[in-house]
Amino acid sequence: MPWIIKNHSKVEHRAKIIADRDQNGDGLIEYEYSGNSDSWVGNHKQRPANWWDTIGYGHKDAFNDIISLTAIEKYLIVAEKAGIKTDPAFKVFLDRGKSIFSKTFYNPKTGILGG
């Protein structure tokens, strides 16, 4: 626990960066760029959210959202165990994201979690 106590402000800052990427307040982060074909060419050379994939993901992205929600969840667990008070907005973000994740990304007809 000494590590989180010493580094809490840095970890909290990173958690805030993650949560602030939720542009519409639904609990899922949105990547700034669409990821559509040719949307990352030109002078800005911005890459899609899943830069390692051949598919240019953007906006809502299941992979990035599950990583982000898990990171916030683990941060809250560790902070609580260390007796560190956290911003209640993180819990709201996490609860919203968990409640909408499957509705957003899971297709019950195909049984596939996509995007």
C-alpha atoms as a PDB file:
ATOM      1  CA  MET A   1       0.000   0.000   0.000  1.00  0.00           C
ATOM      2  CA  PRO A   2       2.843   2.518   0.414  1.00  0.00           C
ATOM      3  CA  TRP A   3       3.168   2.776  -3.370  1.00  0.00           C
ATOM      4  CA  ILE A   4      -0.425   3.887  -3.943  1.00  0.00           C
ATOM      5  CA  ILE A   5      -0.267   6.310  -1.045  1.00  0.00           C
ATOM      6  CA  LYS A   6       2.925   7.867  -2.451  1.00  0.00           C
ATOM      7  CA  ASN A   7       1.680   7.919  -6.059  1.00  0.00           C
ATOM      8  CA  HIS A   8      -2.031   8.457  -5.581  1.00  0.00           C
ATOM      9  CA  SER A   9      -2.172  11.905  -7.173  1.00  0.00           C
ATOM     10  CA  LYS A  10      -0.486  10.608 -10.339  1.00  0.00           C
ATOM     11  CA  VAL A  11      -2.775   7.577 -10.546  1.00  0.00           C
ATOM     12  CA  GLU A  12      -5.849   9.706  -9.909  1.00  0.00           C
ATOM     13  CA  HIS A  13      -4.728  12.130 -12.631  1.00  0.00           C
ATOM     14  CA  ARG A  14      -4.469   9.259 -15.135  1.00  0.00           C
ATOM     15  CA  ALA A  15      -7.862   7.900 -14.056  1.00  0.00           C
ATOM     16  CA  LYS A  16      -9.342  11.350 -14.659  1.00  0.00           C
ATOM     17  CA  ILE A  17      -7.841  11.441 -18.163  1.00  0.00           C
ATOM     18  CA  ILE A  18      -9.569   8.125 -18.878  1.00  0.00           C
ATOM     19  CA  ALA A  19     -12.942   9.161 -17.433  1.00  0.00           C
ATOM     20  CA  ASP A  20     -12.820  12.534 -19.205  1.00  0.00           C
ATOM     21  CA  ARG A  21     -12.739  10.744 -22.559  1.00  0.00           C
ATOM     22  CA  ASP A  22     -16.397   9.905 -21.945  1.00  0.00           C
ATOM     23  CA  GLN A  23     -17.661  12.759 -24.086  1.00  0.00           C
ATOM     24  CA  ASN A  24     -21.397  12.130 -23.717  1.00  0.00           C
ATOM     25  CA  GLY A  25     -21.589  11.013 -20.066  1.00  0.00           C
ATOM     26  CA  ASP A  26     -22.798   7.454 -20.697  1.00  0.00           C
ATOM     27  CA  GLY A  27     -19.853   5.738 -18.969  1.00  0.00           C
ATOM     28  CA  LEU A  28     -18.048   4.654 -22.141  1.00  0.00           C
ATOM     29  CA  ILE A  29     -15.106   6.514 -23.580  1.00  0.00           C
ATOM     30  CA  GLU A  30     -15.182   7.855 -27.094  1.00  0.00           C
ATOM     31  CA  TYR A  31     -12.083   8.197 -29.196  1.00  0.00           C
ATOM     32  CA  GLU A  32     -11.829  11.609 -30.856  1.00  0.00           C
ATOM     33  CA  TYR A  33     -11.414  10.269 -34.379  1.00  0.00           C
ATOM     34  CA  SER A  34     -13.882   8.120 -36.275  1.00  0.00           C
ATOM     35  CA  GLY A  35     -11.489   5.430 -37.444  1.00  0.00           C
ATOM     36  CA  ASN A  36     -13.218   5.440 -40.838  1.00  0.00           C
ATOM     37  CA  SER A  37     -11.114   4.715 -43.881  1.00  0.00           C
ATOM     38  CA  ASP A  38      -8.749   7.600 -44.677  1.00  0.00           C
ATOM     39  CA  SER A  39      -9.672   9.461 -41.484  1.00  0.00           C
ATOM     40  CA  TRP A  40      -6.106   9.247 -40.212  1.00  0.00           C
ATOM     41  CA  VAL A  41      -4.222  10.358 -43.296  1.00  0.00           C
ATOM     42  CA  GLY A  42      -2.820  13.781 -44.010  1.00  0.00           C
ATOM     43  CA  ASN A  43      -0.660  16.103 -41.999  1.00  0.00           C
ATOM     44  CA  HIS A  44      -1.982  15.180 -38.564  1.00  0.00           C
ATOM     45  CA  LYS A  45      -1.124  11.456 -38.974  1.00  0.00           C
ATOM     46  CA  GLN A  46      -3.496  10.599 -36.123  1.00  0.00           C
ATOM     47  CA  ARG A  47      -3.948   6.865 -35.693  1.00  0.00           C
ATOM     48  CA  PRO A  48      -7.153   5.043 -34.802  1.00  0.00           C
ATOM     49  CA  ALA A  49      -7.748   3.866 -31.233  1.00  0.00           C
ATOM     50  CA  ASN A  50      -6.693   0.282 -32.011  1.00  0.00           C
ATOM     51  CA  TRP A  51      -3.557   1.257 -33.883  1.00  0.00           C
ATOM     52  CA  TRP A  52      -2.188  -2.318 -33.905  1.00  0.00           C
ATOM     53  CA  ASP A  53      -5.170  -3.654 -35.809  1.00  0.00           C
ATOM     54  CA  THR A  54      -5.836  -3.397 -39.523  1.00  0.00           C
ATOM     55  CA  ILE A  55      -9.279  -2.010 -38.735  1.00  0.00           C
ATOM     56  CA  GLY A  56      -9.344   1.681 -37.873  1.00  0.00           C
ATOM     57  CA  TYR A  57     -11.434   1.816 -34.715  1.00  0.00           C
ATOM     58  CA  GLY A  58     -12.725   5.086 -33.454  1.00  0.00           C
ATOM     59  CA  HIS A  59     -15.506   6.597 -31.362  1.00  0.00           C
ATOM     60  CA  LYS A  60     -16.817   3.824 -29.053  1.00  0.00           C
ATOM     61  CA  ASP A  61     -14.516   0.824 -28.943  1.00  0.00           C
ATOM     62  CA  ALA A  62     -15.221  -2.272 -26.828  1.00  0.00           C
ATOM     63  CA  PHE A  63     -11.551  -3.145 -26.348  1.00  0.00           C
ATOM     64  CA  ASN A  64     -10.548   0.311 -25.132  1.00  0.00           C
ATOM     65  CA  ASP A  65     -13.661   0.612 -22.991  1.00  0.00           C
ATOM     66  CA  ILE A  66     -13.132  -2.702 -21.203  1.00  0.00           C
ATOM     67  CA  ILE A  67      -9.520  -1.767 -20.460  1.00  0.00           C
ATOM     68  CA  SER A  68     -10.580   1.683 -19.251  1.00  0.00           C
ATOM     69  CA  LEU A  69     -13.429   0.429 -17.078  1.00  0.00           C
ATOM     70  CA  THR A  70     -11.181  -2.247 -15.566  1.00  0.00           C
ATOM     71  CA  ALA A  71      -8.463   0.318 -14.846  1.00  0.00           C
ATOM     72  CA  ILE A  72     -10.914   2.610 -13.043  1.00  0.00           C
ATOM     73  CA  GLU A  73     -12.392  -0.325 -11.124  1.00  0.00           C
ATOM     74  CA  LYS A  74      -8.958  -1.529  -9.960  1.00  0.00           C
ATOM     75  CA  TYR A  75      -7.959   2.016  -9.028  1.00  0.00           C
ATOM     76  CA  LEU A  76     -11.055   2.361  -6.817  1.00  0.00           C
ATOM     77  CA  ILE A  77     -10.436  -1.013  -5.150  1.00  0.00           C
ATOM     78  CA  VAL A  78      -6.804  -0.231  -4.342  1.00  0.00           C
ATOM     79  CA  ALA A  79      -7.597   3.301  -3.161  1.00  0.00           C
ATOM     80  CA  GLU A  80     -10.337   2.010  -0.864  1.00  0.00           C
ATOM     81  CA  LYS A  81      -8.025  -0.635   0.636  1.00  0.00           C
ATOM     82  CA  ALA A  82      -5.426   2.090   1.240  1.00  0.00           C
ATOM     83  CA  GLY A  83      -8.017   4.315   2.895  1.00  0.00           C
ATOM     84  CA  ILE A  84      -7.784   6.950   0.173  1.00  0.00           C
ATOM     85  CA  LYS A  85     -10.905   8.957  -0.556  1.00  0.00           C
ATOM     86  CA  THR A  86     -11.658   9.108  -4.271  1.00  0.00           C
ATOM     87  CA  ASP A  87     -13.794  11.406  -6.357  1.00  0.00           C
ATOM     88  CA  PRO A  88     -17.353   9.972  -6.442  1.00  0.00           C
ATOM     89  CA  ALA A  89     -17.461  10.755 -10.187  1.00  0.00           C
ATOM     90  CA  PHE A  90     -15.217   7.731 -10.804  1.00  0.00           C
ATOM     91  CA  LYS A  91     -17.811   5.377  -9.308  1.00  0.00           C
ATOM     92  CA  VAL A  92     -20.569   7.025 -11.355  1.00  0.00           C
ATOM     93  CA  PHE A  93     -18.474   6.612 -14.522  1.00  0.00           C
ATOM     94  CA  LEU A  94     -17.790   2.950 -13.697  1.00  0.00           C
ATOM     95  CA  ASP A  95     -21.417   2.121 -12.878  1.00  0.00           C
ATOM     96  CA  ARG A  96     -22.697   3.804 -16.044  1.00  0.00           C
ATOM     97  CA  GLY A  97     -20.110   2.068 -18.207  1.00  0.00           C
ATOM     98  CA  LYS A  98     -20.854  -1.357 -16.751  1.00  0.00           C
ATOM     99  CA  SER A  99     -24.598  -0.867 -17.204  1.00  0.00           C
ATOM    100  CA  ILE A 100     -24.340   0.094 -20.886  1.00  0.00           C
ATOM    101  CA  PHE A 101     -21.333  -1.935 -22.085  1.00  0.00           C
ATOM    102  CA  SER A 102     -23.218  -5.090 -23.137  1.00  0.00           C
ATOM    103  CA  LYS A 103     -26.122  -3.129 -24.620  1.00  0.00           C
ATOM    104  CA  THR A 104     -23.654  -1.182 -26.727  1.00  0.00           C
ATOM    105  CA  PHE A 105     -21.297  -3.891 -27.928  1.00  0.00           C
ATOM    106  CA  TYR A 106     -23.029  -7.291 -27.635  1.00  0.00           C
ATOM    107  CA  ASN A 107     -25.168  -8.614 -30.476  1.00  0.00           C
ATOM    108  CA  PRO A 108     -27.528 -11.273 -29.050  1.00  0.00           C
ATOM    109  CA  LYS A 109     -28.468 -12.489 -32.539  1.00  0.00           C
ATOM    110  CA  THR A 110     -24.892 -13.426 -33.394  1.00  0.00           C
ATOM    111  CA  GLY A 111     -23.531 -13.946 -29.891  1.00  0.00           C
ATOM    112  CA  ILE A 112     -20.626 -11.682 -30.793  1.00  0.00           C
ATOM    113  CA  LEU A 113     -19.151  -8.863 -28.775  1.00  0.00           C
ATOM    114  CA  GLY A 114     -18.087  -6.423 -31.474  1.00  0.00           C
ATOM    115  CA  GLY A 115     -16.435  -3.089 -31.976  1.00  0.00           C
END
